[in-house]
Amino acid sequence: MKEFKQFTIIILLSFIGEVLHALIPFPVPASIYGILLLFFLLERNILQLQDIDEVSSFLIFIMPVLFVPAAVGLIDAWDELRASFAAYVTIIIAVTFIVMIVTGRVTQSLLRRWEEK
């Protein structure tokens, strides 16, 4: 019964994220609204970590299985992807490095500000 309650909390937050996505006119995915809401509730101690711990660990454990449909979709579209494969790989590598650099710089900046306070 405890797992059912935990799963219900996660599904409810996901549903609220969907509602916020429908109501707020920003191009933000509904899952991000749900995660931000979950973070807010955990940060304010409205929701305790043990209230969602077991089910969230299970969902993280099965996450690789959730990527199987996307991988099958890529295999189905291989003929279209093959023509531009080198361009896709180059873009993926470049964007990955850009994200790593920007994330590192922002983190360093925030840590410096935090240490000054």
Protein backbone atom coordinates (compact mmCIF):
# COMPACT_ATOMS: atom_id res chain seq x y z
CA MET A 1 0.00 0.00 0.00
CA LYS A 2 2.95 2.32 0.69
CA GLU A 3 4.19 1.96 -2.90
CA PHE A 4 0.72 2.78 -4.20
CA LYS A 5 0.69 6.00 -2.15
CA GLN A 6 4.16 6.96 -3.40
CA PHE A 7 3.23 6.27 -7.01
CA THR A 8 0.02 8.26 -6.59
CA ILE A 9 2.02 11.26 -5.35
CA ILE A 10 4.34 11.10 -8.37
CA ILE A 11 1.44 10.71 -10.81
CA LEU A 12 -0.44 13.58 -9.16
CA LEU A 13 2.57 15.87 -9.50
CA SER A 14 2.91 14.82 -13.15
CA PHE A 15 -0.76 15.62 -13.71
CA ILE A 16 -0.38 19.03 -12.08
CA GLY A 17 2.60 19.60 -14.38
CA GLU A 18 0.35 18.82 -17.37
CA VAL A 19 -2.26 21.28 -16.10
CA LEU A 20 0.37 23.98 -15.62
CA HIS A 21 1.66 23.31 -19.13
CA ALA A 22 -1.83 23.84 -20.50
CA LEU A 23 -2.39 27.02 -18.48
CA ILE A 24 1.00 28.75 -18.71
CA PRO A 25 1.87 29.98 -22.23
CA PHE A 26 5.61 29.21 -22.02
CA PRO A 27 7.32 26.56 -24.19
CA VAL A 28 8.25 24.47 -21.15
CA PRO A 29 7.49 20.73 -21.14
CA ALA A 30 4.93 19.53 -18.63
CA SER A 31 7.46 17.17 -17.07
CA ILE A 32 9.66 20.13 -16.14
CA TYR A 33 6.75 21.79 -14.35
CA GLY A 34 6.16 18.54 -12.46
CA ILE A 35 9.82 18.19 -11.50
CA LEU A 36 10.00 21.82 -10.37
CA LEU A 37 6.88 21.30 -8.27
CA LEU A 38 8.39 18.16 -6.75
CA PHE A 39 11.61 20.05 -6.01
CA PHE A 40 9.67 22.90 -4.40
CA LEU A 41 7.68 20.51 -2.19
CA LEU A 42 10.82 18.65 -1.12
CA GLU A 43 12.77 21.87 -0.52
CA ARG A 44 10.02 23.34 1.68
CA ASN A 45 9.64 20.03 3.58
CA ILE A 46 6.00 19.83 2.55
CA LEU A 47 6.86 16.45 1.05
CA GLN A 48 9.46 14.21 2.69
CA LEU A 49 11.95 12.18 0.69
CA GLN A 50 10.71 8.94 2.27
CA ASP A 51 7.25 9.76 0.84
CA ILE A 52 8.49 8.95 -2.69
CA ASP A 53 11.81 7.17 -2.13
CA GLU A 54 11.01 3.56 -3.04
CA VAL A 55 8.93 4.26 -6.15
CA SER A 56 11.34 6.89 -7.46
CA SER A 57 14.24 4.45 -7.02
CA PHE A 58 12.26 1.83 -8.94
CA LEU A 59 11.47 4.29 -11.75
CA ILE A 60 15.15 5.23 -12.02
CA PHE A 61 16.03 1.52 -12.09
CA ILE A 62 13.72 0.80 -15.05
CA MET A 63 14.60 3.99 -16.93
CA PRO A 64 16.79 2.23 -19.55
CA VAL A 65 13.79 0.15 -20.59
CA LEU A 66 11.89 3.35 -21.32
CA PHE A 67 14.46 4.27 -24.00
CA VAL A 68 13.83 1.10 -26.03
CA PRO A 69 10.95 2.59 -28.10
CA ALA A 70 13.11 5.59 -29.03
CA ALA A 71 15.94 3.29 -30.11
CA VAL A 72 13.55 1.23 -32.23
CA GLY A 73 12.29 4.45 -33.82
CA LEU A 74 15.87 5.37 -34.75
CA ILE A 75 16.41 1.95 -36.28
CA ASP A 76 13.22 2.37 -38.32
CA ALA A 77 14.38 5.77 -39.57
CA TRP A 78 17.95 4.64 -40.31
CA ASP A 79 17.59 5.11 -44.08
CA GLU A 80 16.72 8.79 -43.63
CA LEU A 81 19.38 9.29 -40.93
CA ARG A 82 22.21 7.64 -42.85
CA ALA A 83 22.49 10.49 -45.36
CA SER A 84 23.17 13.07 -42.63
CA PHE A 85 24.76 10.84 -40.00
CA ALA A 86 28.11 12.68 -39.91
CA ALA A 87 26.35 16.03 -39.52
CA TYR A 88 24.21 14.69 -36.65
CA VAL A 89 27.23 13.26 -34.82
CA THR A 90 29.18 16.50 -35.26
CA ILE A 91 26.29 18.57 -33.95
CA ILE A 92 25.74 16.24 -30.98
CA ILE A 93 29.42 16.37 -30.00
CA ALA A 94 29.63 20.17 -30.41
CA VAL A 95 26.45 20.82 -28.41
CA THR A 96 27.56 18.40 -25.69
CA PHE A 97 30.82 20.31 -25.23
CA ILE A 98 29.00 23.65 -25.26
CA VAL A 99 26.57 22.45 -22.58
CA MET A 100 29.43 21.10 -20.47
CA ILE A 101 31.37 24.36 -20.71
CA VAL A 102 28.39 26.59 -19.97
CA THR A 103 27.26 24.38 -17.07
CA GLY A 104 30.77 24.40 -15.60
CA ARG A 105 31.08 28.18 -15.88
CA VAL A 106 27.67 28.81 -14.34
CA THR A 107 28.40 26.38 -11.51
CA GLN A 108 31.78 28.00 -10.82
CA SER A 109 30.16 31.43 -10.79
CA LEU A 110 27.44 30.33 -8.38
CA LEU A 111 29.96 28.63 -6.09
CA ARG A 112 32.11 31.76 -5.99
CA ARG A 113 29.10 33.89 -5.09
CA TRP A 114 28.06 31.37 -2.43
CA GLU A 115 31.56 31.31 -0.92
CA GLU A 116 31.64 35.14 -0.78
CA LYS A 117 28.47 35.18 1.30
